[in-house]
Amino acid sequence: MRFSWLRSTLLLLMGLGALVALVAIPRAETRADDTAPSAKPVALPSLAAVLNDDSLIIVRVATGNPQTLALVKELLQLLPPGAVPPDELQVNPLQFIADAGIDQLYLVLSPLQLTDSPVFLVHRPGKADQDATLREKMRLGAALRVGDWLLLGMKAEQLTPYRNFMSSLRPDLEKAHAETRDALVSVIISASPTVRTVFEQISPEMPQIVGGGPITTLTKGLESIRLTIASDPARTATLTIAATSPEARDQLGKLISTVGQLLLMQDLLDNGKPFLQANPKAALLLMATLQFKRQGNSLVLQLPAIQSAARVMKELFPTDTTLSNTRIVNHFKQIALAYHSFHDVYGVAASNLTDKAGKPLLSWRVLMLPYLEQQALYNQFKLDEPWDSPNNKPLIEKMPEIFASPGVPNGKTIIQRPTGKSLGLDPTKPRLSLRDFTDGTSNTILLVEMPKDQAVIWTKPDDWTPTGNDWLTGFLKGRPDSRIVIGMTDGSVRRLPSKSFTNDILKAMLTRNGGEVVDLP
């Protein structure tokens, strides 16, 4: 579970900068930079061996600095109850990296890697004999050495682009890297001249929705974007948008303001309801808090990271349910995507694994692992043995975070598939195809989140099995007035008031071939 935790932590750190960049409005210069410089400059390695023309983003986390560990702890404490399983909240997700002697952890991303699982980079000259041990500690599936750098990823294919890697000089990124050396966390964005030229050729004009104008406002006017979090008591976060001239700086300021306003009107989350628009107090708070100042050719924004994040989190997530629902929606979407990927490969839907006599051995959740970035864990299972065999039983405690829910013991899950004749998981027809969903995949429930007292061991072939005529009572047990999250077989996710369900509506939504016509609430 460490990899998922680590990725979430990096996203949490980067999220401060994302909020800043998306909704801030440039303002006039107000005061000079008063951030105290570090008395002892940090020595950072050269990135030359792992950079080329495609490199766009560098993320660095000073994992060896105790203040970074403290920062992560402070940020995690801001999350509402239920955001992270309580047992995991006791362990700092960066601690095991620091214990391994890693002072700086890097991500170097190209545009094509932005949607992939990250490849972590560690500068470890002369320690090649320890590479395998470090990979195992980080619970990652693949490692590759490039000079003095160790690259780590979930799957070997992630590292393929680096096997014959041709580096190229990137003075822009190296310069920004050196200038942010004292930060606990730094995110640097800068495109190479080659990539900028490609953008100019592909799209010489910016979209009219952001005011139009030549793309050179970005390709020629924008030098770089830098986000840093300092080690001062306020954990000052600084966002610097460096332009090539004062004129370019002002043009970029207008563009940022336009984009910020547009984002407030877009349907981002919450079933088509704009998230910030649905939380106007939070939007106003962001607008009031995040103010750029002009400094030379740059737009610079500084704010106390922890204090500002606390205020925004309080407005965005006023209750446990707000965050819990968002979390489960994201998990359902990932599982549904894995479900369809499995079907694309094998031509049938994933079902519980059985022996030749039809005796259930392992849950469908185990078969999903390779499609949920869990190939290494999948490889540890013996698929011809039951879930509680001497080999498979110890793997229960390694349940991926995607099946976890707040308040549910580790190793158990309430993310289940309705099981029964004519349902999406049908023991009488283990080789179901999407063609068998004659009611339509958009009308048939794939996943449900059951009450906590109905949690099951995640590797065990055990799911919600409606019985008798009354399916509704057990489904709604303990949550009569809440919103129920359901995942449909087409991959969509719905959050419906519990009062929307009747027994007949629930049955119609669960069966795949009943022929019912249901107006979904």
Protein backbone atom coordinates (compact mmCIF):
# COMPACT_ATOMS: atom_id res chain seq x y z
CA MET A 1 0.00 0.00 0.00
CA ARG A 2 3.02 2.24 0.31
CA PHE A 3 3.14 3.20 -3.36
CA SER A 4 -0.46 4.41 -3.35
CA TRP A 5 0.22 6.33 -0.13
CA LEU A 6 3.36 7.90 -1.57
CA ARG A 7 1.62 9.00 -4.75
CA SER A 8 -1.25 10.47 -2.71
CA THR A 9 1.22 12.36 -0.54
CA LEU A 10 3.01 13.86 -3.55
CA LEU A 11 -0.33 14.89 -5.01
CA LEU A 12 -1.28 16.46 -1.69
CA LEU A 13 1.91 18.52 -1.70
CA MET A 14 1.46 19.50 -5.34
CA GLY A 15 -2.22 20.27 -4.75
CA LEU A 16 -1.37 23.44 -2.86
CA GLY A 17 0.25 24.78 -5.98
CA ALA A 18 -2.59 23.57 -8.17
CA LEU A 19 -5.15 25.56 -6.17
CA VAL A 20 -2.94 28.60 -6.41
CA ALA A 21 -2.39 28.33 -10.14
CA LEU A 22 -6.01 27.69 -11.05
CA VAL A 23 -7.94 30.33 -9.19
CA ALA A 24 -5.61 33.15 -8.22
CA ILE A 25 -6.11 36.65 -9.62
CA PRO A 26 -3.00 38.78 -10.27
CA ARG A 27 -2.79 41.92 -8.14
CA ALA A 28 -0.48 44.87 -7.96
CA GLU A 29 2.84 44.55 -6.17
CA THR A 30 2.38 44.91 -2.42
CA ARG A 31 5.64 44.15 -0.65
CA ALA A 32 9.12 42.78 -1.14
CA ASP A 33 9.95 39.12 -0.70
CA ASP A 34 10.62 38.51 2.97
CA THR A 35 11.25 34.78 2.94
CA ALA A 36 14.37 34.09 4.98
CA PRO A 37 17.07 32.40 2.93
CA SER A 38 18.59 29.16 4.13
CA ALA A 39 21.85 29.68 5.96
CA LYS A 40 23.26 26.46 4.61
CA PRO A 41 22.56 25.94 0.87
CA VAL A 42 21.60 22.41 -0.08
CA ALA A 43 23.82 20.63 -2.60
CA LEU A 44 21.69 19.00 -5.30
CA PRO A 45 22.82 16.56 -7.99
CA SER A 46 22.86 17.44 -11.66
CA LEU A 47 19.83 16.16 -13.56
CA ALA A 48 21.61 16.16 -16.92
CA ALA A 49 21.59 12.36 -17.27
CA VAL A 50 17.80 12.10 -16.96
CA LEU A 51 16.64 15.16 -18.93
CA ASN A 52 15.88 15.56 -22.61
CA ASP A 53 13.78 17.77 -24.89
CA ASP A 54 10.57 16.03 -23.75
CA SER A 55 11.13 16.72 -20.04
CA LEU A 56 8.47 19.15 -18.84
CA ILE A 57 8.04 18.86 -15.06
CA ILE A 58 10.46 18.20 -12.21
CA VAL A 59 9.07 17.37 -8.79
CA ARG A 60 11.52 17.19 -5.89
CA VAL A 61 10.76 16.28 -2.28
CA ALA A 62 13.49 16.66 0.35
CA THR A 63 12.69 13.35 2.03
CA GLY A 64 15.85 13.48 4.13
CA ASN A 65 14.84 16.75 5.81
CA PRO A 66 12.93 16.21 9.08
CA GLN A 67 10.93 19.35 8.33
CA THR A 68 9.52 17.69 5.22
CA LEU A 69 8.26 14.80 7.31
CA ALA A 70 6.73 17.33 9.70
CA LEU A 71 5.10 19.16 6.78
CA VAL A 72 3.48 15.96 5.52
CA LYS A 73 2.24 15.16 9.01
CA GLU A 74 0.71 18.63 9.34
CA LEU A 75 -1.00 18.36 5.95
CA LEU A 76 -2.42 14.92 6.73
CA GLN A 77 -3.89 16.22 9.96
CA LEU A 78 -5.88 18.75 7.95
CA LEU A 79 -7.78 16.03 6.11
CA PRO A 80 -11.30 15.41 7.38
CA PRO A 81 -11.99 12.22 9.35
CA GLY A 82 -12.35 9.30 6.98
CA ALA A 83 -10.04 10.68 4.29
CA VAL A 84 -7.36 8.16 5.26
CA PRO A 85 -7.81 4.82 7.09
CA PRO A 86 -6.90 5.43 10.75
CA ASP A 87 -4.23 2.71 10.86
CA GLU A 88 -2.42 4.28 7.91
CA LEU A 89 -2.61 7.76 9.39
CA GLN A 90 -0.24 6.64 12.12
CA VAL A 91 2.60 6.11 9.62
CA ASN A 92 4.24 8.97 7.73
CA PRO A 93 4.31 7.83 4.08
CA LEU A 94 7.73 9.44 3.55
CA GLN A 95 9.34 7.97 6.66
CA PHE A 96 10.38 4.67 5.08
CA ILE A 97 12.08 6.58 2.24
CA ALA A 98 14.02 8.71 4.69
CA ASP A 99 14.94 5.57 6.66
CA ALA A 100 16.38 4.11 3.45
CA GLY A 101 18.85 7.00 3.30
CA ILE A 102 17.15 8.84 0.42
CA ASP A 103 17.65 12.58 0.84
CA GLN A 104 15.88 13.72 -2.33
CA LEU A 105 13.08 11.98 -4.23
CA TYR A 106 12.37 13.11 -7.80
CA LEU A 107 9.81 12.77 -10.54
CA VAL A 108 10.71 13.95 -14.05
CA LEU A 109 7.67 14.02 -16.33
CA SER A 110 7.11 14.50 -20.03
CA PRO A 111 3.69 15.42 -21.47
CA LEU A 112 3.02 11.77 -22.36
CA GLN A 113 3.71 10.65 -18.78
CA LEU A 114 1.24 12.98 -17.07
CA THR A 115 -1.52 10.34 -16.97
CA ASP A 116 0.72 7.36 -16.25
CA SER A 117 1.92 5.97 -12.95
CA PRO A 118 4.99 7.96 -11.95
CA VAL A 119 8.57 6.85 -12.28
CA PHE A 120 10.56 7.81 -9.18
CA LEU A 121 14.18 8.89 -9.48
CA VAL A 122 16.80 8.61 -6.76
CA HIS A 123 20.40 9.82 -7.04
CA ARG A 124 22.50 6.95 -5.63
CA PRO A 125 26.07 6.98 -6.97
CA GLY A 126 28.06 3.87 -6.16
CA LYS A 127 25.16 1.99 -4.54
CA ALA A 128 24.05 -0.25 -7.39
CA ASP A 129 24.33 -3.34 -5.16
CA GLN A 130 21.52 -1.93 -2.97
CA ASP A 131 19.07 -1.21 -5.82
CA ALA A 132 17.02 -4.41 -5.42
CA THR A 133 16.70 -3.88 -1.67
CA LEU A 134 15.45 -0.33 -2.12
CA ARG A 135 12.95 -1.41 -4.77
CA GLU A 136 11.52 -4.00 -2.38
CA LYS A 137 11.30 -1.48 0.46
CA MET A 138 9.29 0.86 -1.75
CA ARG A 139 7.14 -2.07 -2.92
CA LEU A 140 7.68 -1.21 -6.55
CA GLY A 141 7.86 -3.74 -9.34
CA ALA A 142 10.76 -2.54 -11.48
CA ALA A 143 14.10 -0.76 -11.19
CA LEU A 144 16.61 0.53 -13.73
CA ARG A 145 19.95 2.24 -13.26
CA VAL A 146 20.91 5.15 -15.52
CA GLY A 147 24.39 6.26 -14.53
CA ASP A 148 24.25 7.44 -10.92
CA TRP A 149 20.45 7.47 -10.96
CA LEU A 150 18.09 4.69 -9.90
CA LEU A 151 14.67 4.73 -11.59
CA LEU A 152 11.77 2.95 -9.90
CA GLY A 153 8.32 2.14 -11.26
CA MET A 154 5.37 -0.16 -10.76
CA LYS A 155 5.91 -2.06 -14.02
CA ALA A 156 8.96 -2.80 -16.17
CA GLU A 157 7.35 -1.26 -19.25
CA GLN A 158 7.27 2.12 -17.51
CA LEU A 159 11.06 2.13 -17.60
CA THR A 160 11.37 1.12 -21.27
CA PRO A 161 11.81 4.72 -22.53
CA TYR A 162 14.88 5.05 -20.30
CA ARG A 163 16.68 1.90 -21.49
CA ASN A 164 18.14 3.69 -24.49
CA PHE A 165 17.69 7.15 -23.08
CA MET A 166 19.34 9.97 -25.02
CA SER A 167 19.78 12.93 -22.71
CA SER A 168 19.99 16.50 -23.94
CA LEU A 169 20.99 19.74 -22.27
CA ARG A 170 18.20 21.54 -20.44
CA PRO A 171 19.75 24.65 -18.89
CA ASP A 172 16.26 26.03 -18.15
CA LEU A 173 15.34 23.14 -15.87
CA GLU A 174 18.80 22.83 -14.35
CA LYS A 175 18.82 26.55 -13.50
CA ALA A 176 15.39 26.42 -11.84
CA HIS A 177 16.39 23.24 -10.04
CA ALA A 178 19.44 24.91 -8.52
CA GLU A 179 17.52 28.05 -7.56
CA THR A 180 14.90 26.06 -5.61
CA ARG A 181 17.43 23.92 -3.73
CA ASP A 182 16.49 25.17 -0.25
CA ALA A 183 12.79 24.27 -0.56
CA LEU A 184 11.27 21.26 1.16
CA VAL A 185 9.19 20.65 -1.96
CA SER A 186 9.64 22.09 -5.43
CA VAL A 187 7.68 21.69 -8.64
CA ILE A 188 9.22 23.15 -11.81
CA ILE A 189 7.47 23.40 -15.18
CA SER A 190 9.40 24.46 -18.27
CA ALA A 191 9.14 23.31 -21.87
CA SER A 192 12.15 22.95 -24.14
CA PRO A 193 12.53 25.14 -27.24
CA THR A 194 11.70 22.10 -29.37
CA VAL A 195 8.39 21.49 -27.59
CA ARG A 196 7.52 25.18 -27.72
CA THR A 197 8.07 25.20 -31.48
CA VAL A 198 5.82 22.16 -31.87
CA PHE A 199 3.06 23.92 -29.94
CA GLU A 200 3.36 26.96 -32.19
CA GLN A 201 3.03 24.80 -35.28
CA ILE A 202 0.11 22.72 -34.00
CA SER A 203 -1.92 25.54 -32.49
CA PRO A 204 -0.67 29.03 -33.45
CA GLU A 205 -3.68 30.67 -31.76
CA MET A 206 -5.05 30.22 -28.24
CA PRO A 207 -8.74 29.23 -27.88
CA GLN A 208 -11.22 32.08 -28.02
CA ILE A 209 -12.69 30.94 -24.72
CA VAL A 210 -9.58 32.27 -22.98
CA GLY A 211 -9.50 35.43 -25.05
CA GLY A 212 -7.64 34.16 -28.13
CA GLY A 213 -4.38 35.71 -29.22
CA PRO A 214 -1.15 34.13 -30.40
CA ILE A 215 0.14 31.03 -28.63
CA THR A 216 3.47 32.84 -28.37
CA THR A 217 2.03 34.54 -25.28
CA LEU A 218 2.93 31.21 -23.67
CA THR A 219 5.68 29.79 -25.85
CA LYS A 220 7.70 33.02 -26.02
CA GLY A 221 6.41 34.89 -22.98
CA LEU A 222 6.44 32.17 -20.32
CA GLU A 223 9.86 31.14 -19.06
CA SER A 224 8.86 28.74 -16.28
CA ILE A 225 6.46 28.02 -13.44
CA ARG A 226 7.86 27.16 -10.02
CA LEU A 227 6.15 26.10 -6.83
CA THR A 228 8.13 25.77 -3.63
CA ILE A 229 7.28 25.11 0.00
CA ALA A 230 9.81 26.59 2.39
CA SER A 231 11.04 25.35 5.76
CA ASP A 232 10.01 28.44 7.69
CA PRO A 233 7.47 28.06 10.53
CA ALA A 234 4.60 29.17 8.28
CA ARG A 235 5.64 26.64 5.60
CA THR A 236 5.44 29.45 3.06
CA ALA A 237 4.33 28.28 -0.35
CA THR A 238 5.63 30.38 -3.23
CA LEU A 239 4.34 30.20 -6.78
CA THR A 240 6.49 32.02 -9.32
CA ILE A 241 5.37 32.50 -12.91
CA ALA A 242 8.50 33.74 -14.61
CA ALA A 243 8.03 35.69 -17.84
CA THR A 244 10.56 36.89 -20.37
CA SER A 245 9.64 40.58 -20.04
CA PRO A 246 7.35 42.90 -18.06
CA GLU A 247 4.97 43.00 -21.04
CA ALA A 248 4.83 39.22 -21.19
CA ARG A 249 4.28 39.12 -17.41
CA ASP A 250 1.19 41.34 -17.69
CA GLN A 251 -0.20 39.30 -20.60
CA LEU A 252 0.21 36.12 -18.57
CA GLY A 253 -1.54 37.76 -15.63
CA LYS A 254 -4.60 38.52 -17.74
CA LEU A 255 -4.60 34.96 -19.09
CA ILE A 256 -4.46 33.45 -15.59
CA SER A 257 -7.35 35.63 -14.45
CA THR A 258 -9.47 34.54 -17.42
CA VAL A 259 -8.73 30.86 -16.89
CA GLY A 260 -9.47 31.16 -13.18
CA GLN A 261 -12.89 32.63 -13.85
CA LEU A 262 -13.66 29.91 -16.40
CA LEU A 263 -12.82 27.15 -13.97
CA LEU A 264 -15.39 28.46 -11.55
CA MET A 265 -18.06 27.97 -14.23
CA GLN A 266 -17.06 24.55 -15.51
CA ASP A 267 -18.72 21.32 -14.49
CA LEU A 268 -15.81 19.77 -12.66
CA LEU A 269 -17.26 17.54 -9.95
CA ASP A 270 -20.37 16.67 -8.00
CA ASN A 271 -22.49 15.19 -10.78
CA GLY A 272 -22.10 18.10 -13.16
CA LYS A 273 -22.30 20.80 -10.49
CA PRO A 274 -19.19 22.99 -10.43
CA PHE A 275 -17.28 22.14 -7.28
CA LEU A 276 -16.20 25.65 -6.37
CA GLN A 277 -19.49 27.08 -7.57
CA ALA A 278 -21.19 24.60 -5.26
CA ASN A 279 -18.97 25.96 -2.50
CA PRO A 280 -19.05 29.74 -3.11
CA LYS A 281 -17.61 30.54 0.30
CA ALA A 282 -14.57 28.42 -0.51
CA ALA A 283 -14.24 30.10 -3.90
CA LEU A 284 -14.34 33.57 -2.36
CA LEU A 285 -11.86 32.49 0.29
CA LEU A 286 -9.46 31.31 -2.40
CA MET A 287 -9.87 34.50 -4.37
CA ALA A 288 -9.23 36.64 -1.30
CA THR A 289 -6.26 34.63 -0.06
CA LEU A 290 -4.37 34.01 -3.27
CA GLN A 291 -2.96 37.29 -4.56
CA PHE A 292 -0.04 37.65 -6.94
CA LYS A 293 2.43 40.51 -6.80
CA ARG A 294 4.64 41.75 -9.60
CA GLN A 295 8.33 41.22 -9.03
CA GLY A 296 10.60 42.02 -11.95
CA ASN A 297 9.52 39.87 -14.89
CA SER A 298 7.61 37.50 -12.64
CA LEU A 299 4.25 37.10 -10.96
CA VAL A 300 4.87 35.87 -7.43
CA LEU A 301 2.39 34.53 -4.94
CA GLN A 302 3.20 33.66 -1.33
CA LEU A 303 0.95 32.28 1.35
CA PRO A 304 1.32 30.26 4.54
CA ALA A 305 0.70 26.77 3.20
CA ILE A 306 -0.65 25.06 6.30
CA GLN A 307 -2.86 27.92 7.48
CA SER A 308 -4.33 28.56 4.02
CA ALA A 309 -4.84 24.87 3.31
CA ALA A 310 -6.64 24.47 6.65
CA ARG A 311 -9.08 27.28 5.83
CA VAL A 312 -9.80 25.99 2.34
CA MET A 313 -10.20 22.36 3.46
CA LYS A 314 -12.67 23.43 6.14
CA GLU A 315 -14.83 25.11 3.49
CA LEU A 316 -14.51 22.43 0.81
CA PHE A 317 -15.09 19.47 3.10
CA PRO A 318 -17.39 20.58 5.92
CA THR A 319 -18.43 16.99 6.69
CA ASP A 320 -16.96 13.51 6.56
CA THR A 321 -19.48 12.53 3.88
CA THR A 322 -18.25 15.12 1.37
CA LEU A 323 -14.77 13.64 1.16
CA SER A 324 -15.83 10.02 1.66
CA ASN A 325 -18.19 10.19 -1.32
CA THR A 326 -15.54 11.81 -3.51
CA ARG A 327 -13.07 9.08 -2.53
CA ILE A 328 -15.43 6.19 -3.29
CA VAL A 329 -16.50 7.73 -6.61
CA ASN A 330 -12.87 7.83 -7.75
CA HIS A 331 -12.30 4.24 -6.61
CA PHE A 332 -15.42 3.01 -8.41
CA LYS A 333 -14.31 4.66 -11.65
CA GLN A 334 -10.87 3.02 -11.46
CA ILE A 335 -12.33 -0.41 -10.72
CA ALA A 336 -14.84 -0.08 -13.57
CA LEU A 337 -12.04 0.85 -15.94
CA ALA A 338 -10.10 -2.23 -14.80
CA TYR A 339 -13.24 -4.33 -15.31
CA HIS A 340 -13.53 -3.17 -18.93
CA SER A 341 -9.79 -3.63 -19.53
CA PHE A 342 -10.07 -7.23 -18.36
CA HIS A 343 -13.05 -7.76 -20.67
CA ASP A 344 -11.12 -6.28 -23.60
CA VAL A 345 -8.28 -8.74 -23.04
CA TYR A 346 -10.26 -11.94 -22.35
CA GLY A 347 -13.62 -11.29 -24.00
CA VAL A 348 -15.45 -12.09 -20.76
CA ALA A 349 -16.06 -10.20 -17.53
CA ALA A 350 -13.94 -10.95 -14.48
CA SER A 351 -15.66 -13.35 -12.09
CA ASN A 352 -14.60 -15.30 -9.02
CA LEU A 353 -11.84 -17.79 -9.72
CA THR A 354 -12.89 -21.44 -9.28
CA ASP A 355 -11.25 -24.86 -9.48
CA LYS A 356 -12.17 -27.46 -12.10
CA ALA A 357 -15.06 -28.68 -9.96
CA GLY A 358 -16.48 -25.16 -9.74
CA LYS A 359 -15.46 -24.53 -6.12
CA PRO A 360 -14.71 -20.81 -5.57
CA LEU A 361 -11.07 -20.08 -4.77
CA LEU A 362 -10.37 -16.35 -5.06
CA SER A 363 -12.34 -13.16 -5.50
CA TRP A 364 -12.71 -11.27 -8.76
CA ARG A 365 -10.83 -8.48 -6.95
CA VAL A 366 -7.63 -10.52 -7.22
CA LEU A 367 -8.08 -10.83 -10.99
CA MET A 368 -8.41 -7.04 -11.21
CA LEU A 369 -4.98 -6.41 -9.66
CA PRO A 370 -2.91 -6.24 -12.90
CA TYR A 371 -5.33 -3.61 -14.21
CA LEU A 372 -5.10 -1.57 -11.00
CA GLU A 373 -1.31 -1.14 -11.09
CA GLN A 374 -0.87 -4.07 -8.71
CA GLN A 375 0.95 -6.60 -10.92
CA ALA A 376 3.61 -7.27 -8.27
CA LEU A 377 0.95 -8.21 -5.70
CA TYR A 378 -0.95 -10.30 -8.25
CA ASN A 379 2.19 -12.31 -8.97
CA GLN A 380 2.37 -13.36 -5.30
CA PHE A 381 -0.95 -15.23 -5.45
CA LYS A 382 -1.25 -18.92 -6.27
CA LEU A 383 -4.34 -18.88 -8.44
CA ASP A 384 -4.97 -22.62 -8.08
CA GLU A 385 -5.26 -22.33 -4.29
CA PRO A 386 -8.10 -20.93 -2.13
CA TRP A 387 -7.96 -17.52 -0.54
CA ASP A 388 -7.04 -18.96 2.87
CA SER A 389 -4.26 -21.30 1.73
CA PRO A 390 -0.87 -20.97 3.50
CA ASN A 391 0.44 -18.97 0.54
CA ASN A 392 -2.57 -16.74 -0.13
CA LYS A 393 -3.80 -15.99 3.40
CA PRO A 394 -0.83 -13.72 4.33
CA LEU A 395 -1.67 -11.55 1.31
CA ILE A 396 -4.95 -10.44 2.90
CA GLU A 397 -3.13 -7.74 4.85
CA LYS A 398 -1.68 -6.35 1.62
CA MET A 399 -5.08 -5.18 0.38
CA PRO A 400 -4.68 -2.28 -2.09
CA GLU A 401 -5.93 1.09 -0.91
CA ILE A 402 -8.52 1.17 -3.70
CA PHE A 403 -10.61 -1.47 -1.89
CA ALA A 404 -10.28 0.23 1.52
CA SER A 405 -12.89 2.38 3.25
CA PRO A 406 -12.70 4.50 6.42
CA GLY A 407 -13.73 2.60 9.53
CA VAL A 408 -13.36 -0.81 7.91
CA PRO A 409 -10.58 -3.10 9.22
CA ASN A 410 -7.56 -3.62 6.99
CA GLY A 411 -8.02 -6.67 4.78
CA LYS A 412 -11.78 -6.24 4.56
CA THR A 413 -13.80 -4.31 1.99
CA ILE A 414 -17.32 -3.00 1.54
CA ILE A 415 -16.76 -2.48 -2.20
CA GLN A 416 -18.70 -5.41 -3.57
CA ARG A 417 -20.49 -6.70 -6.65
CA PRO A 418 -24.12 -7.82 -6.47
CA THR A 419 -24.09 -11.60 -6.83
CA GLY A 420 -26.86 -13.91 -7.94
CA LYS A 421 -28.74 -15.31 -10.89
CA SER A 422 -29.26 -12.68 -13.62
CA LEU A 423 -27.03 -10.20 -11.77
CA GLY A 424 -23.68 -8.79 -12.89
CA LEU A 425 -21.76 -11.49 -10.96
CA ASP A 426 -23.65 -14.69 -11.72
CA PRO A 427 -22.36 -17.98 -10.23
CA THR A 428 -24.53 -19.89 -12.74
CA LYS A 429 -22.80 -18.18 -15.66
CA PRO A 430 -19.15 -17.49 -14.81
CA ARG A 431 -18.18 -16.49 -18.36
CA LEU A 432 -20.42 -13.48 -18.78
CA SER A 433 -19.86 -11.09 -21.66
CA LEU A 434 -21.06 -7.52 -21.91
CA ARG A 435 -23.39 -8.80 -24.63
CA ASP A 436 -25.29 -10.58 -21.86
CA PHE A 437 -26.29 -7.25 -20.32
CA THR A 438 -29.36 -6.87 -22.47
CA ASP A 439 -30.83 -4.23 -20.15
CA GLY A 440 -27.85 -2.07 -21.08
CA THR A 441 -24.61 -1.55 -19.21
CA SER A 442 -25.67 1.99 -18.28
CA ASN A 443 -28.77 0.56 -16.56
CA THR A 444 -27.12 -2.29 -14.63
CA ILE A 445 -25.28 -1.88 -11.34
CA LEU A 446 -21.71 -3.20 -11.28
CA LEU A 447 -20.47 -2.04 -7.87
CA VAL A 448 -22.04 -1.14 -4.56
CA GLU A 449 -20.70 0.20 -1.28
CA MET A 450 -22.27 -1.95 1.42
CA PRO A 451 -22.80 -1.07 5.10
CA LYS A 452 -19.68 -1.51 7.22
CA ASP A 453 -21.05 -4.49 9.14
CA GLN A 454 -21.26 -6.39 5.83
CA ALA A 455 -17.54 -6.04 5.00
CA VAL A 456 -15.88 -9.13 3.52
CA ILE A 457 -12.28 -10.31 3.22
CA TRP A 458 -11.13 -8.81 -0.05
CA THR A 459 -9.51 -11.96 -1.47
CA LYS A 460 -12.41 -14.22 -0.48
CA PRO A 461 -15.00 -14.95 -3.20
CA ASP A 462 -17.69 -13.29 -1.12
CA ASP A 463 -19.95 -10.40 -2.13
CA TRP A 464 -23.42 -9.07 -1.48
CA THR A 465 -25.95 -11.76 -2.42
CA PRO A 466 -29.53 -10.47 -2.28
CA THR A 467 -31.98 -13.13 -1.08
CA GLY A 468 -35.73 -13.42 -0.66
CA ASN A 469 -38.07 -10.77 -1.98
CA ASP A 470 -36.85 -7.84 0.11
CA TRP A 471 -33.51 -6.70 -1.31
CA LEU A 472 -33.84 -3.11 -0.17
CA THR A 473 -33.66 -3.47 3.61
CA GLY A 474 -30.22 -5.08 3.68
CA PHE A 475 -28.92 -2.66 1.05
CA LEU A 476 -29.96 0.46 3.00
CA LYS A 477 -29.22 -0.91 6.48
CA GLY A 478 -27.82 1.82 8.72
CA ARG A 479 -28.07 4.60 6.13
CA PRO A 480 -31.74 5.50 5.62
CA ASP A 481 -31.13 9.18 4.86
CA SER A 482 -27.76 9.18 3.10
CA ARG A 483 -26.62 9.32 -0.49
CA ILE A 484 -25.71 5.91 -1.90
CA VAL A 485 -22.80 5.56 -4.32
CA ILE A 486 -23.33 2.99 -7.06
CA GLY A 487 -21.12 2.10 -10.01
CA MET A 488 -22.83 1.22 -13.26
CA THR A 489 -21.46 -1.40 -15.65
CA ASP A 490 -20.72 1.20 -18.34
CA GLY A 491 -18.21 2.83 -15.96
CA SER A 492 -20.35 5.74 -14.81
CA VAL A 493 -20.83 6.44 -11.10
CA ARG A 494 -23.96 7.83 -9.49
CA ARG A 495 -24.68 9.25 -6.03
CA LEU A 496 -28.36 8.80 -5.34
CA PRO A 497 -30.45 9.68 -2.27
CA SER A 498 -31.43 6.51 -0.43
CA LYS A 499 -35.05 7.63 -0.64
CA SER A 500 -34.85 7.29 -4.44
CA PHE A 501 -34.82 3.52 -4.13
CA THR A 502 -37.74 1.18 -3.87
CA ASN A 503 -37.42 -2.58 -3.83
CA ASP A 504 -38.59 -2.78 -7.44
CA ILE A 505 -36.26 -0.03 -8.63
CA LEU A 506 -33.30 -1.68 -6.90
CA LYS A 507 -34.09 -5.09 -8.42
CA ALA A 508 -34.44 -3.57 -11.86
CA MET A 509 -31.09 -1.80 -11.56
CA LEU A 510 -29.34 -4.96 -10.32
CA THR A 511 -30.57 -7.43 -12.94
CA ARG A 512 -28.80 -7.43 -16.27
CA ASN A 513 -31.52 -9.00 -18.42
CA GLY A 514 -34.86 -8.46 -16.70
CA GLY A 515 -36.26 -6.24 -19.41
CA GLU A 516 -37.41 -3.58 -16.95
CA VAL A 517 -37.59 0.05 -17.93
CA VAL A 518 -36.27 2.22 -15.11
CA ASP A 519 -36.12 5.98 -14.97
CA LEU A 520 -32.97 6.40 -12.93
CA PRO A 521 -33.43 8.95 -10.15
